[in-house]
Amino acid sequence: MQDITNALPNNDEKIRLLSISAASKILGIRHKAVTDLIKDGKIKIIDLNGRIKIPRKNLELYIDTESKTIPSGINISTNNKLPQSMKYILNSILNKHK
């Protein structure tokens, strides 16, 4: 029988399983928001005897998939589709990196 330590990659982060709480801390969102993303199928999970675990690579995939860029020349403060709080946050980020 093959030794399992030889079959696994050296980097533990490649196979790390996260709890919903850990994923919510990484994403900076509430526990319920993560469970909603799971229910919507946006984050894939592994069910280990009723314990939900999120492979780190699935969380990274979600982040990569949902990441968007703001086209240059767009004026965030006049965009009526964004909530005021989001306009403030995005403007402060853009001003910091000018």
PDB file of N, CA and C in Angstrom:
ATOM      1  N   MET A   1       0.842  -1.183   0.000  1.00  0.00           N
ATOM      2  CA  MET A   1       0.000   0.000   0.000  1.00  0.00           C
ATOM      3  C   MET A   1       0.884   1.243   0.000  1.00  0.00           C
ATOM      4  N   GLN A   2       0.511   2.225  -0.825  1.00  0.00           N
ATOM      5  CA  GLN A   2       1.303   3.443  -0.966  1.00  0.00           C
ATOM      6  C   GLN A   2       1.155   4.324   0.268  1.00  0.00           C
ATOM      7  N   ASP A   3       2.268   4.899   0.697  1.00  0.00           N
ATOM      8  CA  ASP A   3       2.256   5.817   1.832  1.00  0.00           C
ATOM      9  C   ASP A   3       1.559   7.107   1.404  1.00  0.00           C
ATOM     10  N   ILE A   4       0.526   7.499   2.151  1.00  0.00           N
ATOM     11  CA  ILE A   4      -0.275   8.677   1.784  1.00  0.00           C
ATOM     12  C   ILE A   4       0.534   9.960   1.823  1.00  0.00           C
ATOM     13  N   THR A   5       1.555  10.045   2.649  1.00  0.00           N
ATOM     14  CA  THR A   5       2.358  11.272   2.711  1.00  0.00           C
ATOM     15  C   THR A   5       3.075  11.527   1.407  1.00  0.00           C
ATOM     16  N   ASN A   6       3.380  10.482   0.656  1.00  0.00           N
ATOM     17  CA  ASN A   6       4.030  10.663  -0.645  1.00  0.00           C
ATOM     18  C   ASN A   6       3.027  11.061  -1.721  1.00  0.00           C
ATOM     19  N   ALA A   7       1.762  10.744  -1.519  1.00  0.00           N
ATOM     20  CA  ALA A   7       0.746  11.038  -2.522  1.00  0.00           C
ATOM     21  C   ALA A   7       0.245  12.475  -2.427  1.00  0.00           C
ATOM     22  N   LEU A   8       0.413  13.114  -1.275  1.00  0.00           N
ATOM     23  CA  LEU A   8      -0.088  14.470  -1.086  1.00  0.00           C
ATOM     24  C   LEU A   8       0.958  15.500  -1.469  1.00  0.00           C
ATOM     25  N   PRO A   9       0.526  16.662  -1.998  1.00  0.00           N
ATOM     26  CA  PRO A   9       1.493  17.709  -2.325  1.00  0.00           C
ATOM     27  C   PRO A   9       2.151  18.236  -1.050  1.00  0.00           C
ATOM     28  N   ASN A  10       3.347  18.780  -1.204  1.00  0.00           N
ATOM     29  CA  ASN A  10       4.078  19.313  -0.056  1.00  0.00           C
ATOM     30  C   ASN A  10       3.407  20.544   0.536  1.00  0.00           C
ATOM     31  N   ASN A  11       2.726  21.294  -0.280  1.00  0.00           N
ATOM     32  CA  ASN A  11       2.093  22.524   0.177  1.00  0.00           C
ATOM     33  C   ASN A  11       0.699  22.215   0.712  1.00  0.00           C
ATOM     34  N   ASP A  12       0.520  22.274   2.042  1.00  0.00           N
ATOM     35  CA  ASP A  12      -0.765  21.950   2.668  1.00  0.00           C
ATOM     36  C   ASP A  12      -1.883  22.871   2.223  1.00  0.00           C
ATOM     37  N   GLU A  13      -1.560  24.093   1.787  1.00  0.00           N
ATOM     38  CA  GLU A  13      -2.588  25.042   1.383  1.00  0.00           C
ATOM     39  C   GLU A  13      -3.346  24.550   0.148  1.00  0.00           C
ATOM     40  N   LYS A  14      -2.739  23.694  -0.655  1.00  0.00           N
ATOM     41  CA  LYS A  14      -3.400  23.200  -1.858  1.00  0.00           C
ATOM     42  C   LYS A  14      -4.591  22.311  -1.520  1.00  0.00           C
ATOM     43  N   ILE A  15      -4.551  21.643  -0.381  1.00  0.00           N
ATOM     44  CA  ILE A  15      -5.614  20.706  -0.034  1.00  0.00           C
ATOM     45  C   ILE A  15      -6.375  21.125   1.214  1.00  0.00           C
ATOM     46  N   ARG A  16      -6.113  22.272   1.737  1.00  0.00           N
ATOM     47  CA  ARG A  16      -6.708  22.707   2.993  1.00  0.00           C
ATOM     48  C   ARG A  16      -8.225  22.846   2.873  1.00  0.00           C
ATOM     49  N   LEU A  17      -8.930  22.310   3.856  1.00  0.00           N
ATOM     50  CA  LEU A  17     -10.376  22.432   3.924  1.00  0.00           C
ATOM     51  C   LEU A  17     -10.720  23.461   4.988  1.00  0.00           C
ATOM     52  N   LEU A  18     -11.608  24.379   4.643  1.00  0.00           N
ATOM     53  CA  LEU A  18     -11.985  25.467   5.539  1.00  0.00           C
ATOM     54  C   LEU A  18     -13.396  25.274   6.067  1.00  0.00           C
ATOM     55  N   SER A  19     -13.619  25.710   7.282  1.00  0.00           N
ATOM     56  CA  SER A  19     -14.975  25.766   7.819  1.00  0.00           C
ATOM     57  C   SER A  19     -15.669  26.986   7.225  1.00  0.00           C
ATOM     58  N   ILE A  20     -16.978  27.050   7.405  1.00  0.00           N
ATOM     59  CA  ILE A  20     -17.719  28.227   6.946  1.00  0.00           C
ATOM     60  C   ILE A  20     -17.236  29.465   7.690  1.00  0.00           C
ATOM     61  N   SER A  21     -16.953  29.311   8.988  1.00  0.00           N
ATOM     62  CA  SER A  21     -16.457  30.454   9.773  1.00  0.00           C
ATOM     63  C   SER A  21     -15.124  30.965   9.235  1.00  0.00           C
ATOM     64  N   ALA A  22     -14.216  30.047   8.910  1.00  0.00           N
ATOM     65  CA  ALA A  22     -12.911  30.455   8.368  1.00  0.00           C
ATOM     66  C   ALA A  22     -13.085  31.136   7.015  1.00  0.00           C
ATOM     67  N   ALA A  23     -13.965  30.600   6.178  1.00  0.00           N
ATOM     68  CA  ALA A  23     -14.214  31.204   4.864  1.00  0.00           C
ATOM     69  C   ALA A  23     -14.817  32.596   5.023  1.00  0.00           C
ATOM     70  N   SER A  24     -15.712  32.754   6.003  1.00  0.00           N
ATOM     71  CA  SER A  24     -16.323  34.073   6.199  1.00  0.00           C
ATOM     72  C   SER A  24     -15.280  35.090   6.665  1.00  0.00           C
ATOM     73  N   LYS A  25     -14.325  34.656   7.473  1.00  0.00           N
ATOM     74  CA  LYS A  25     -13.255  35.569   7.906  1.00  0.00           C
ATOM     75  C   LYS A  25     -12.361  35.945   6.737  1.00  0.00           C
ATOM     76  N   ILE A  26     -12.036  34.981   5.896  1.00  0.00           N
ATOM     77  CA  ILE A  26     -11.188  35.257   4.730  1.00  0.00           C
ATOM     78  C   ILE A  26     -11.880  36.247   3.792  1.00  0.00           C
ATOM     79  N   LEU A  27     -13.175  36.032   3.558  1.00  0.00           N
ATOM     80  CA  LEU A  27     -13.921  36.900   2.648  1.00  0.00           C
ATOM     81  C   LEU A  27     -14.340  38.218   3.285  1.00  0.00           C
ATOM     82  N   GLY A  28     -14.337  38.250   4.623  1.00  0.00           N
ATOM     83  CA  GLY A  28     -14.754  39.461   5.316  1.00  0.00           C
ATOM     84  C   GLY A  28     -16.254  39.680   5.271  1.00  0.00           C
ATOM     85  N   ILE A  29     -16.999  38.570   5.240  1.00  0.00           N
ATOM     86  CA  ILE A  29     -18.457  38.654   5.211  1.00  0.00           C
ATOM     87  C   ILE A  29     -19.037  37.777   6.318  1.00  0.00           C
ATOM     88  N   ARG A  30     -20.314  37.905   6.574  1.00  0.00           N
ATOM     89  CA  ARG A  30     -20.974  37.152   7.638  1.00  0.00           C
ATOM     90  C   ARG A  30     -21.102  35.669   7.282  1.00  0.00           C
ATOM     91  N   HIS A  31     -21.229  34.863   8.321  1.00  0.00           N
ATOM     92  CA  HIS A  31     -21.409  33.415   8.200  1.00  0.00           C
ATOM     93  C   HIS A  31     -22.604  33.102   7.290  1.00  0.00           C
ATOM     94  N   LYS A  32     -23.721  33.806   7.499  1.00  0.00           N
ATOM     95  CA  LYS A  32     -24.927  33.567   6.701  1.00  0.00           C
ATOM     96  C   LYS A  32     -24.697  33.890   5.229  1.00  0.00           C
ATOM     97  N   ALA A  33     -23.910  34.908   4.956  1.00  0.00           N
ATOM     98  CA  ALA A  33     -23.625  35.254   3.555  1.00  0.00           C
ATOM     99  C   ALA A  33     -22.880  34.115   2.863  1.00  0.00           C
ATOM    100  N   VAL A  34     -21.955  33.470   3.586  1.00  0.00           N
ATOM    101  CA  VAL A  34     -21.229  32.327   3.015  1.00  0.00           C
ATOM    102  C   VAL A  34     -22.191  31.169   2.782  1.00  0.00           C
ATOM    103  N   THR A  35     -23.066  30.886   3.753  1.00  0.00           N
ATOM    104  CA  THR A  35     -24.029  29.790   3.561  1.00  0.00           C
ATOM    105  C   THR A  35     -24.968  30.090   2.394  1.00  0.00           C
ATOM    106  N   ASP A  36     -25.319  31.346   2.197  1.00  0.00           N
ATOM    107  CA  ASP A  36     -26.153  31.717   1.047  1.00  0.00           C
ATOM    108  C   ASP A  36     -25.406  31.480  -0.265  1.00  0.00           C
ATOM    109  N   LEU A  37     -24.116  31.810  -0.294  1.00  0.00           N
ATOM    110  CA  LEU A  37     -23.310  31.560  -1.495  1.00  0.00           C
ATOM    111  C   LEU A  37     -23.214  30.066  -1.791  1.00  0.00           C
ATOM    112  N   ILE A  38     -23.129  29.269  -0.737  1.00  0.00           N
ATOM    113  CA  ILE A  38     -23.089  27.816  -0.906  1.00  0.00           C
ATOM    114  C   ILE A  38     -24.433  27.328  -1.451  1.00  0.00           C
ATOM    115  N   LYS A  39     -25.530  27.793  -0.871  1.00  0.00           N
ATOM    116  CA  LYS A  39     -26.868  27.392  -1.327  1.00  0.00           C
ATOM    117  C   LYS A  39     -27.111  27.800  -2.772  1.00  0.00           C
ATOM    118  N   ASP A  40     -26.570  28.960  -3.170  1.00  0.00           N
ATOM    119  CA  ASP A  40     -26.725  29.440  -4.551  1.00  0.00           C
ATOM    120  C   ASP A  40     -25.796  28.730  -5.523  1.00  0.00           C
ATOM    121  N   GLY A  41     -24.916  27.865  -4.996  1.00  0.00           N
ATOM    122  CA  GLY A  41     -23.997  27.121  -5.854  1.00  0.00           C
ATOM    123  C   GLY A  41     -22.783  27.915  -6.296  1.00  0.00           C
ATOM    124  N   LYS A  42     -22.550  29.069  -5.681  1.00  0.00           N
ATOM    125  CA  LYS A  42     -21.405  29.900  -6.073  1.00  0.00           C
ATOM    126  C   LYS A  42     -20.106  29.427  -5.439  1.00  0.00           C
ATOM    127  N   ILE A  43     -20.216  28.775  -4.283  1.00  0.00           N
ATOM    128  CA  ILE A  43     -19.044  28.178  -3.632  1.00  0.00           C
ATOM    129  C   ILE A  43     -19.342  26.693  -3.452  1.00  0.00           C
ATOM    130  N   LYS A  44     -18.496  25.855  -4.008  1.00  0.00           N
ATOM    131  CA  LYS A  44     -18.681  24.409  -3.899  1.00  0.00           C
ATOM    132  C   LYS A  44     -18.059  23.899  -2.605  1.00  0.00           C
ATOM    133  N   ILE A  45     -18.714  22.906  -2.017  1.00  0.00           N
ATOM    134  CA  ILE A  45     -18.305  22.387  -0.709  1.00  0.00           C
ATOM    135  C   ILE A  45     -18.059  20.885  -0.763  1.00  0.00           C
ATOM    136  N   ILE A  46     -17.535  20.371   0.331  1.00  0.00           N
ATOM    137  CA  ILE A  46     -17.434  18.934   0.567  1.00  0.00           C
ATOM    138  C   ILE A  46     -18.208  18.667   1.855  1.00  0.00           C
ATOM    139  N   ASP A  47     -19.080  17.661   1.821  1.00  0.00           N
ATOM    140  CA  ASP A  47     -19.853  17.284   3.007  1.00  0.00           C
ATOM    141  C   ASP A  47     -19.181  16.069   3.632  1.00  0.00           C
ATOM    142  N   LEU A  48     -18.595  16.255   4.798  1.00  0.00           N
ATOM    143  CA  LEU A  48     -17.929  15.175   5.522  1.00  0.00           C
ATOM    144  C   LEU A  48     -18.814  14.761   6.695  1.00  0.00           C
ATOM    145  N   ASN A  49     -19.666  13.778   6.435  1.00  0.00           N
ATOM    146  CA  ASN A  49     -20.587  13.291   7.473  1.00  0.00           C
ATOM    147  C   ASN A  49     -21.369  14.426   8.133  1.00  0.00           C
ATOM    148  N   GLY A  50     -21.915  15.314   7.317  1.00  0.00           N
ATOM    149  CA  GLY A  50     -22.722  16.410   7.828  1.00  0.00           C
ATOM    150  C   GLY A  50     -21.942  17.662   8.181  1.00  0.00           C
ATOM    151  N   ARG A  51     -20.630  17.592   8.136  1.00  0.00           N
ATOM    152  CA  ARG A  51     -19.805  18.776   8.398  1.00  0.00           C
ATOM    153  C   ARG A  51     -19.401  19.375   7.061  1.00  0.00           C
ATOM    154  N   ILE A  52     -19.795  20.613   6.851  1.00  0.00           N
ATOM    155  CA  ILE A  52     -19.507  21.290   5.581  1.00  0.00           C
ATOM    156  C   ILE A  52     -18.093  21.855   5.621  1.00  0.00           C
ATOM    157  N   LYS A  53     -17.324  21.509   4.603  1.00  0.00           N
ATOM    158  CA  LYS A  53     -15.968  22.030   4.449  1.00  0.00           C
ATOM    159  C   LYS A  53     -15.826  22.614   3.052  1.00  0.00           C
ATOM    160  N   ILE A  54     -15.070  23.680   2.984  1.00  0.00           N
ATOM    161  CA  ILE A  54     -14.837  24.370   1.712  1.00  0.00           C
ATOM    162  C   ILE A  54     -13.368  24.209   1.347  1.00  0.00           C
ATOM    163  N   PRO A  55     -13.074  23.522   0.246  1.00  0.00           N
ATOM    164  CA  PRO A  55     -11.679  23.463  -0.203  1.00  0.00           C
ATOM    165  C   PRO A  55     -11.179  24.873  -0.510  1.00  0.00           C
ATOM    166  N   ARG A  56      -9.988  25.176  -0.034  1.00  0.00           N
ATOM    167  CA  ARG A  56      -9.429  26.520  -0.231  1.00  0.00           C
ATOM    168  C   ARG A  56      -9.416  26.900  -1.709  1.00  0.00           C
ATOM    169  N   LYS A  57      -9.125  25.947  -2.578  1.00  0.00           N
ATOM    170  CA  LYS A  57      -9.091  26.258  -4.015  1.00  0.00           C
ATOM    171  C   LYS A  57     -10.475  26.666  -4.527  1.00  0.00           C
ATOM    172  N   ASN A  58     -11.552  26.121  -3.938  1.00  0.00           N
ATOM    173  CA  ASN A  58     -12.900  26.528  -4.338  1.00  0.00           C
ATOM    174  C   ASN A  58     -13.199  27.961  -3.901  1.00  0.00           C
ATOM    175  N   LEU A  59     -12.690  28.332  -2.738  1.00  0.00           N
ATOM    176  CA  LEU A  59     -12.863  29.707  -2.271  1.00  0.00           C
ATOM    177  C   LEU A  59     -12.084  30.664  -3.170  1.00  0.00           C
ATOM    178  N   GLU A  60     -10.873  30.290  -3.531  1.00  0.00           N
ATOM    179  CA  GLU A  60     -10.065  31.108  -4.433  1.00  0.00           C
ATOM    180  C   GLU A  60     -10.725  31.218  -5.803  1.00  0.00           C
ATOM    181  N   LEU A  61     -11.323  30.127  -6.274  1.00  0.00           N
ATOM    182  CA  LEU A  61     -12.026  30.139  -7.556  1.00  0.00           C
ATOM    183  C   LEU A  61     -13.210  31.098  -7.509  1.00  0.00           C
ATOM    184  N   TYR A  62     -13.951  31.085  -6.411  1.00  0.00           N
ATOM    185  CA  TYR A  62     -15.077  32.010  -6.249  1.00  0.00           C
ATOM    186  C   TYR A  62     -14.578  33.460  -6.300  1.00  0.00           C
ATOM    187  N   ILE A  63     -13.495  33.736  -5.583  1.00  0.00           N
ATOM    188  CA  ILE A  63     -12.946  35.096  -5.566  1.00  0.00           C
ATOM    189  C   ILE A  63     -12.522  35.514  -6.967  1.00  0.00           C
ATOM    190  N   ASP A  64     -11.824  34.630  -7.674  1.00  0.00           N
ATOM    191  CA  ASP A  64     -11.379  34.945  -9.035  1.00  0.00           C
ATOM    192  C   ASP A  64     -12.562  35.161  -9.975  1.00  0.00           C
ATOM    193  N   THR A  65     -13.596  34.334  -9.835  1.00  0.00           N
ATOM    194  CA  THR A  65     -14.763  34.423 -10.706  1.00  0.00           C
ATOM    195  C   THR A  65     -15.546  35.706 -10.469  1.00  0.00           C
ATOM    196  N   GLU A  66     -15.669  36.106  -9.219  1.00  0.00           N
ATOM    197  CA  GLU A  66     -16.474  37.270  -8.872  1.00  0.00           C
ATOM    198  C   GLU A  66     -15.716  38.593  -8.948  1.00  0.00           C
ATOM    199  N   SER A  67     -14.399  38.540  -9.102  1.00  0.00           N
ATOM    200  CA  SER A  67     -13.597  39.766  -9.156  1.00  0.00           C
ATOM    201  C   SER A  67     -13.878  40.523 -10.441  1.00  0.00           C
ATOM    202  N   LYS A  68     -14.023  41.814 -10.311  1.00  0.00           N
ATOM    203  CA  LYS A  68     -14.286  42.672 -11.459  1.00  0.00           C
ATOM    204  C   LYS A  68     -13.334  43.864 -11.421  1.00  0.00           C
ATOM    205  N   THR A  69     -13.091  44.437 -12.576  1.00  0.00           N
ATOM    206  CA  THR A  69     -12.276  45.643 -12.642  1.00  0.00           C
ATOM    207  C   THR A  69     -13.187  46.825 -12.966  1.00  0.00           C
ATOM    208  N   ILE A  70     -12.767  47.980 -12.544  1.00  0.00           N
ATOM    209  CA  ILE A  70     -13.504  49.201 -12.847  1.00  0.00           C
ATOM    210  C   ILE A  70     -12.817  49.849 -14.042  1.00  0.00           C
ATOM    211  N   PRO A  71     -13.560  50.026 -15.136  1.00  0.00           N
ATOM    212  CA  PRO A  71     -12.943  50.638 -16.309  1.00  0.00           C
ATOM    213  C   PRO A  71     -12.432  52.036 -15.981  1.00  0.00           C
ATOM    214  N   SER A  72     -11.270  52.389 -16.542  1.00  0.00           N
ATOM    215  CA  SER A  72     -10.728  53.721 -16.286  1.00  0.00           C
ATOM    216  C   SER A  72     -11.639  54.765 -16.919  1.00  0.00           C
ATOM    217  N   GLY A  73     -11.675  55.921 -16.298  1.00  0.00           N
ATOM    218  CA  GLY A  73     -12.496  57.004 -16.816  1.00  0.00           C
ATOM    219  C   GLY A  73     -13.924  56.998 -16.303  1.00  0.00           C
ATOM    220  N   ILE A  74     -14.294  55.948 -15.570  1.00  0.00           N
ATOM    221  CA  ILE A  74     -15.660  55.891 -15.034  1.00  0.00           C
ATOM    222  C   ILE A  74     -15.733  56.751 -13.785  1.00  0.00           C
ATOM    223  N   ASN A  75     -16.773  57.523 -13.653  1.00  0.00           N
ATOM    224  CA  ASN A  75     -16.953  58.342 -12.462  1.00  0.00           C
ATOM    225  C   ASN A  75     -17.913  57.610 -11.524  1.00  0.00           C
ATOM    226  N   ILE A  76     -17.359  57.052 -10.475  1.00  0.00           N
ATOM    227  CA  ILE A  76     -18.137  56.235  -9.548  1.00  0.00           C
ATOM    228  C   ILE A  76     -19.203  57.058  -8.850  1.00  0.00           C
ATOM    229  N   SER A  77     -18.895  58.299  -8.506  1.00  0.00           N
ATOM    230  CA  SER A  77     -19.836  59.105  -7.726  1.00  0.00           C
ATOM    231  C   SER A  77     -21.117  59.423  -8.492  1.00  0.00           C
ATOM    232  N   THR A  78     -21.105  59.330  -9.827  1.00  0.00           N
ATOM    233  CA  THR A  78     -22.317  59.596 -10.601  1.00  0.00           C
ATOM    234  C   THR A  78     -23.014  58.322 -11.056  1.00  0.00           C
ATOM    235  N   ASN A  79     -22.477  57.157 -10.683  1.00  0.00           N
ATOM    236  CA  ASN A  79     -23.091  55.892 -11.050  1.00  0.00           C
ATOM    237  C   ASN A  79     -24.256  55.618 -10.101  1.00  0.00           C
ATOM    238  N   ASN A  80     -25.484  55.706 -10.610  1.00  0.00           N
ATOM    239  CA  ASN A  80     -26.677  55.554  -9.774  1.00  0.00           C
ATOM    240  C   ASN A  80     -27.000  54.110  -9.432  1.00  0.00           C
ATOM    241  N   LYS A  81     -26.307  53.152 -10.027  1.00  0.00           N
ATOM    242  CA  LYS A  81     -26.576  51.743  -9.746  1.00  0.00           C
ATOM    243  C   LYS A  81     -25.881  51.272  -8.473  1.00  0.00           C
ATOM    244  N   LEU A  82     -24.909  52.024  -7.996  1.00  0.00           N
ATOM    245  CA  LEU A  82     -24.166  51.630  -6.802  1.00  0.00           C
ATOM    246  C   LEU A  82     -24.734  52.309  -5.562  1.00  0.00           C
ATOM    247  N   PRO A  83     -24.801  51.566  -4.442  1.00  0.00           N
ATOM    248  CA  PRO A  83     -25.212  52.214  -3.194  1.00  0.00           C
ATOM    249  C   PRO A  83     -24.178  53.256  -2.777  1.00  0.00           C
ATOM    250  N   GLN A  84     -24.611  54.265  -2.037  1.00  0.00           N
ATOM    251  CA  GLN A  84     -23.735  55.367  -1.626  1.00  0.00           C
ATOM    252  C   GLN A  84     -22.515  54.857  -0.861  1.00  0.00           C
ATOM    253  N   SER A  85     -22.714  53.873   0.014  1.00  0.00           N
ATOM    254  CA  SER A  85     -21.591  53.348   0.798  1.00  0.00           C
ATOM    255  C   SER A  85     -20.537  52.714  -0.109  1.00  0.00           C
ATOM    256  N   MET A  86     -20.974  52.016  -1.162  1.00  0.00           N
ATOM    257  CA  MET A  86     -20.041  51.398  -2.100  1.00  0.00           C
ATOM    258  C   MET A  86     -19.296  52.462  -2.895  1.00  0.00           C
ATOM    259  N   LYS A  87     -19.984  53.541  -3.270  1.00  0.00           N
ATOM    260  CA  LYS A  87     -19.326  54.638  -3.990  1.00  0.00           C
ATOM    261  C   LYS A  87     -18.209  55.231  -3.142  1.00  0.00           C
ATOM    262  N   TYR A  88     -18.486  55.433  -1.861  1.00  0.00           N
ATOM    263  CA  TYR A  88     -17.489  55.995  -0.957  1.00  0.00           C
ATOM    264  C   TYR A  88     -16.268  55.079  -0.855  1.00  0.00           C
ATOM    265  N   ILE A  89     -16.508  53.781  -0.668  1.00  0.00           N
ATOM    266  CA  ILE A  89     -15.409  52.817  -0.534  1.00  0.00           C
ATOM    267  C   ILE A  89     -14.583  52.765  -1.812  1.00  0.00           C
ATOM    268  N   LEU A  90     -15.255  52.657  -2.959  1.00  0.00           N
ATOM    269  CA  LEU A  90     -14.529  52.565  -4.229  1.00  0.00           C
ATOM    270  C   LEU A  90     -13.750  53.839  -4.525  1.00  0.00           C
ATOM    271  N   ASN A  91     -14.346  54.998  -4.241  1.00  0.00           N
ATOM    272  CA  ASN A  91     -13.638  56.261  -4.451  1.00  0.00           C
ATOM    273  C   ASN A  91     -12.405  56.369  -3.570  1.00  0.00           C
ATOM    274  N   SER A  92     -12.520  55.936  -2.317  1.00  0.00           N
ATOM    275  CA  SER A  92     -11.356  56.006  -1.418  1.00  0.00           C
ATOM    276  C   SER A  92     -10.244  55.071  -1.880  1.00  0.00           C
ATOM    277  N   ILE A  93     -10.612  53.898  -2.391  1.00  0.00           N
ATOM    278  CA  ILE A  93      -9.595  52.968  -2.926  1.00  0.00           C
ATOM    279  C   ILE A  93      -8.934  53.566  -4.157  1.00  0.00           C
ATOM    280  N   LEU A  94      -9.731  54.113  -5.070  1.00  0.00           N
ATOM    281  CA  LEU A  94      -9.169  54.692  -6.292  1.00  0.00           C
ATOM    282  C   LEU A  94      -8.284  55.894  -5.985  1.00  0.00           C
ATOM    283  N   ASN A  95      -8.692  56.737  -5.036  1.00  0.00           N
ATOM    284  CA  ASN A  95      -7.889  57.902  -4.682  1.00  0.00           C
ATOM    285  C   ASN A  95      -6.581  57.501  -4.040  1.00  0.00           C
ATOM    286  N   LYS A  96      -6.589  56.424  -3.272  1.00  0.00           N
ATOM    287  CA  LYS A  96      -5.376  55.953  -2.601  1.00  0.00           C
ATOM    288  C   LYS A  96      -4.330  55.459  -3.612  1.00  0.00           C
ATOM    289  N   HIS A  97      -4.806  54.948  -4.747  1.00  0.00           N
ATOM    290  CA  HIS A  97      -3.913  54.337  -5.727  1.00  0.00           C
ATOM    291  C   HIS A  97      -3.689  55.193  -6.960  1.00  0.00           C
ATOM    292  N   LYS A  98      -3.952  56.486  -6.854  1.00  0.00           N
ATOM    293  CA  LYS A  98      -3.700  57.394  -7.986  1.00  0.00           C
ATOM    294  C   LYS A  98      -2.238  57.755  -8.064  1.00  0.00           C
TER     295      LYS A  98
END
